[in-house]
Amino acid sequence: MPAKGADPVCVKSAAAWPASVSGRASVATDPSDPAVHAWGDPAIVARCGVATPGPTTDDCLTVNGVDWVATPLSDGTRFVTYGRDPALEVLIPKGDVPEGSLLPAFTSAAQALPETGHHCS
């Protein structure tokens, strides 16, 4: 479970998980945790309650009014909401190009999280 996964706002955010992401159906996570959700195989994984990122030189993009910090990983890309606390993390496997095009599916879940006043610049 993410550090702040039990936070009531994560419960509200999790209620807005999309039914599918880019045609991928929801799949079970192990262990099961309401703050964590996955879709497809290889899975796109979303976790509410991760640490809020501070200032960074990583790419920051705005999608549907939600700011996301993008960090390349060896097996895909990690997107974390910027300016929301707690933060929402979306892990997108390598090969889902462009990765950022999947973020609109998470707009409602991200918008359920309180804003801190920080934005991509």
C-alpha atoms as a PDB file:
ATOM      1  CA  MET A   1       0.000   0.000   0.000  1.00  0.00           C
ATOM      2  CA  PRO A   2       1.301   3.467  -0.828  1.00  0.00           C
ATOM      3  CA  ALA A   3       2.243   5.558   2.231  1.00  0.00           C
ATOM      4  CA  LYS A   4      -0.959   7.634   2.107  1.00  0.00           C
ATOM      5  CA  GLY A   5      -3.117   5.020   0.381  1.00  0.00           C
ATOM      6  CA  ALA A   6      -5.588   4.862   3.281  1.00  0.00           C
ATOM      7  CA  ASP A   7      -6.146   8.642   3.174  1.00  0.00           C
ATOM      8  CA  PRO A   8      -9.882   9.378   2.669  1.00  0.00           C
ATOM      9  CA  VAL A   9      -9.098  11.394  -0.467  1.00  0.00           C
ATOM     10  CA  CYS A  10      -7.471   8.287  -1.978  1.00  0.00           C
ATOM     11  CA  VAL A  11     -10.694   6.403  -1.299  1.00  0.00           C
ATOM     12  CA  LYS A  12     -12.532   9.160  -3.214  1.00  0.00           C
ATOM     13  CA  SER A  13      -9.924   9.072  -5.982  1.00  0.00           C
ATOM     14  CA  ALA A  14     -10.112   5.272  -6.259  1.00  0.00           C
ATOM     15  CA  ALA A  15     -13.872   5.521  -6.757  1.00  0.00           C
ATOM     16  CA  ALA A  16     -13.036   7.312 -10.033  1.00  0.00           C
ATOM     17  CA  TRP A  17     -10.687   4.645 -11.447  1.00  0.00           C
ATOM     18  CA  PRO A  18     -11.534   4.157 -15.131  1.00  0.00           C
ATOM     19  CA  ALA A  19     -13.348   0.951 -16.117  1.00  0.00           C
ATOM     20  CA  SER A  20     -10.786   0.419 -18.879  1.00  0.00           C
ATOM     21  CA  VAL A  21      -7.646   2.132 -20.162  1.00  0.00           C
ATOM     22  CA  SER A  22      -6.994   2.194 -23.907  1.00  0.00           C
ATOM     23  CA  GLY A  23      -9.189  -0.875 -24.349  1.00  0.00           C
ATOM     24  CA  ARG A  24      -7.538  -2.789 -21.508  1.00  0.00           C
ATOM     25  CA  ALA A  25      -9.856  -4.281 -18.909  1.00  0.00           C
ATOM     26  CA  SER A  26      -9.302  -4.024 -15.197  1.00  0.00           C
ATOM     27  CA  VAL A  27      -7.196  -6.827 -13.673  1.00  0.00           C
ATOM     28  CA  ALA A  28      -6.679  -7.917 -10.060  1.00  0.00           C
ATOM     29  CA  THR A  29      -3.672  -6.765  -8.063  1.00  0.00           C
ATOM     30  CA  ASP A  30      -1.859  -8.905  -5.512  1.00  0.00           C
ATOM     31  CA  PRO A  31      -2.187  -8.029  -2.750  1.00  0.00           C
ATOM     32  CA  SER A  32      -5.560  -6.435  -3.311  1.00  0.00           C
ATOM     33  CA  ASP A  33      -5.574  -2.783  -2.224  1.00  0.00           C
ATOM     34  CA  PRO A  34      -8.247  -0.164  -2.990  1.00  0.00           C
ATOM     35  CA  ALA A  35      -5.511   2.468  -3.492  1.00  0.00           C
ATOM     36  CA  VAL A  36      -3.962   0.389  -6.295  1.00  0.00           C
ATOM     37  CA  HIS A  37      -5.553  -0.602  -9.594  1.00  0.00           C
ATOM     38  CA  ALA A  38      -4.309  -2.241 -12.803  1.00  0.00           C
ATOM     39  CA  TRP A  39      -5.439  -2.721 -16.390  1.00  0.00           C
ATOM     40  CA  GLY A  40      -4.247  -5.178 -19.049  1.00  0.00           C
ATOM     41  CA  ASP A  41      -1.113  -7.292 -19.491  1.00  0.00           C
ATOM     42  CA  PRO A  42       1.508  -5.967 -19.284  1.00  0.00           C
ATOM     43  CA  ALA A  43      -0.349  -3.920 -16.733  1.00  0.00           C
ATOM     44  CA  ILE A  44      -0.851  -0.208 -16.542  1.00  0.00           C
ATOM     45  CA  VAL A  45      -0.809   0.386 -12.780  1.00  0.00           C
ATOM     46  CA  ALA A  46      -2.206   3.338 -10.823  1.00  0.00           C
ATOM     47  CA  ARG A  47      -1.516   3.971  -7.136  1.00  0.00           C
ATOM     48  CA  CYS A  48      -2.989   6.723  -4.990  1.00  0.00           C
ATOM     49  CA  GLY A  49      -1.110   7.949  -1.939  1.00  0.00           C
ATOM     50  CA  VAL A  50       2.457   8.130  -3.214  1.00  0.00           C
ATOM     51  CA  ALA A  51       4.756  10.952  -2.092  1.00  0.00           C
ATOM     52  CA  THR A  52       4.102  14.313  -3.709  1.00  0.00           C
ATOM     53  CA  PRO A  53       7.050  15.238  -5.940  1.00  0.00           C
ATOM     54  CA  GLY A  54       9.004  18.371  -5.181  1.00  0.00           C
ATOM     55  CA  PRO A  55      10.700  20.627  -7.697  1.00  0.00           C
ATOM     56  CA  THR A  56      12.319  18.546 -10.426  1.00  0.00           C
ATOM     57  CA  THR A  57      14.055  18.784 -13.776  1.00  0.00           C
ATOM     58  CA  ASP A  58      11.979  15.837 -15.074  1.00  0.00           C
ATOM     59  CA  ASP A  59       9.440  16.598 -17.798  1.00  0.00           C
ATOM     60  CA  CYS A  60       6.198  18.089 -16.523  1.00  0.00           C
ATOM     61  CA  LEU A  61       3.092  18.129 -18.667  1.00  0.00           C
ATOM     62  CA  THR A  62      -0.480  19.251 -18.231  1.00  0.00           C
ATOM     63  CA  VAL A  63      -3.279  16.934 -19.398  1.00  0.00           C
ATOM     64  CA  ASN A  64      -6.911  18.012 -18.960  1.00  0.00           C
ATOM     65  CA  GLY A  65      -5.930  20.499 -16.252  1.00  0.00           C
ATOM     66  CA  VAL A  66      -3.860  17.977 -14.263  1.00  0.00           C
ATOM     67  CA  ASP A  67      -0.075  18.367 -14.028  1.00  0.00           C
ATOM     68  CA  TRP A  68       2.064  15.220 -14.274  1.00  0.00           C
ATOM     69  CA  VAL A  69       5.799  14.668 -13.786  1.00  0.00           C
ATOM     70  CA  ALA A  70       7.117  12.083 -16.255  1.00  0.00           C
ATOM     71  CA  THR A  71      10.090   9.936 -15.302  1.00  0.00           C
ATOM     72  CA  PRO A  72      11.493   7.397 -17.775  1.00  0.00           C
ATOM     73  CA  LEU A  73      12.053   3.909 -16.347  1.00  0.00           C
ATOM     74  CA  SER A  74      13.881   0.959 -17.880  1.00  0.00           C
ATOM     75  CA  ASP A  75      10.545  -0.809 -18.452  1.00  0.00           C
ATOM     76  CA  GLY A  76       8.265   2.155 -19.189  1.00  0.00           C
ATOM     77  CA  THR A  77       7.329   5.573 -17.822  1.00  0.00           C
ATOM     78  CA  ARG A  78       6.234   6.728 -14.390  1.00  0.00           C
ATOM     79  CA  PHE A  79       3.783   9.630 -14.223  1.00  0.00           C
ATOM     80  CA  VAL A  80       3.046  11.297 -10.869  1.00  0.00           C
ATOM     81  CA  THR A  81       0.587  14.111 -10.336  1.00  0.00           C
ATOM     82  CA  TYR A  82       2.319  17.379  -9.530  1.00  0.00           C
ATOM     83  CA  GLY A  83       0.653  19.886  -7.232  1.00  0.00           C
ATOM     84  CA  ARG A  84      -1.679  17.367  -5.574  1.00  0.00           C
ATOM     85  CA  ASP A  85      -1.325  15.818  -2.122  1.00  0.00           C
ATOM     86  CA  PRO A  86      -1.440  12.915  -1.817  1.00  0.00           C
ATOM     87  CA  ALA A  87      -0.199  12.172  -5.304  1.00  0.00           C
ATOM     88  CA  LEU A  88      -1.405   9.691  -7.901  1.00  0.00           C
ATOM     89  CA  GLU A  89       1.161   7.540  -9.726  1.00  0.00           C
ATOM     90  CA  VAL A  90       0.549   5.872 -13.084  1.00  0.00           C
ATOM     91  CA  LEU A  91       3.071   3.320 -14.376  1.00  0.00           C
ATOM     92  CA  ILE A  92       2.842   2.712 -18.107  1.00  0.00           C
ATOM     93  CA  PRO A  93       4.792  -0.175 -19.677  1.00  0.00           C
ATOM     94  CA  LYS A  94       7.332   0.397 -22.414  1.00  0.00           C
ATOM     95  CA  GLY A  95       5.763   0.142 -25.837  1.00  0.00           C
ATOM     96  CA  ASP A  96       2.610   2.096 -25.034  1.00  0.00           C
ATOM     97  CA  VAL A  97       3.547   5.063 -27.194  1.00  0.00           C
ATOM     98  CA  PRO A  98       2.945   7.834 -26.636  1.00  0.00           C
ATOM     99  CA  GLU A  99       2.594   7.059 -22.952  1.00  0.00           C
ATOM    100  CA  GLY A 100       1.151  10.459 -22.060  1.00  0.00           C
ATOM    101  CA  SER A 101      -1.813   9.825 -24.354  1.00  0.00           C
ATOM    102  CA  LEU A 102      -3.177   7.382 -21.742  1.00  0.00           C
ATOM    103  CA  LEU A 103      -3.313  10.000 -18.970  1.00  0.00           C
ATOM    104  CA  PRO A 104      -6.778  11.401 -19.824  1.00  0.00           C
ATOM    105  CA  ALA A 105      -8.252   8.144 -18.477  1.00  0.00           C
ATOM    106  CA  PHE A 106      -6.978   9.178 -15.032  1.00  0.00           C
ATOM    107  CA  THR A 107      -8.252  12.774 -15.034  1.00  0.00           C
ATOM    108  CA  SER A 108     -11.256  12.158 -12.758  1.00  0.00           C
ATOM    109  CA  ALA A 109      -9.193  10.176 -10.232  1.00  0.00           C
ATOM    110  CA  ALA A 110      -6.476  12.847 -10.203  1.00  0.00           C
ATOM    111  CA  GLN A 111      -8.933  15.732  -9.900  1.00  0.00           C
ATOM    112  CA  ALA A 112     -10.366  14.114  -6.752  1.00  0.00           C
ATOM    113  CA  LEU A 113      -7.055  14.876  -4.993  1.00  0.00           C
ATOM    114  CA  PRO A 114      -6.549  18.246  -3.251  1.00  0.00           C
ATOM    115  CA  GLU A 115      -4.417  20.796  -5.077  1.00  0.00           C
ATOM    116  CA  THR A 116      -1.377  22.298  -3.357  1.00  0.00           C
ATOM    117  CA  GLY A 117      -1.071  25.363  -5.576  1.00  0.00           C
ATOM    118  CA  HIS A 118       2.049  24.114  -7.408  1.00  0.00           C
ATOM    119  CA  HIS A 119       1.896  23.780 -11.195  1.00  0.00           C
ATOM    120  CA  CYS A 120       4.134  22.851 -14.094  1.00  0.00           C
ATOM    121  CA  SER A 121       5.968  25.929 -15.289  1.00  0.00           C
END
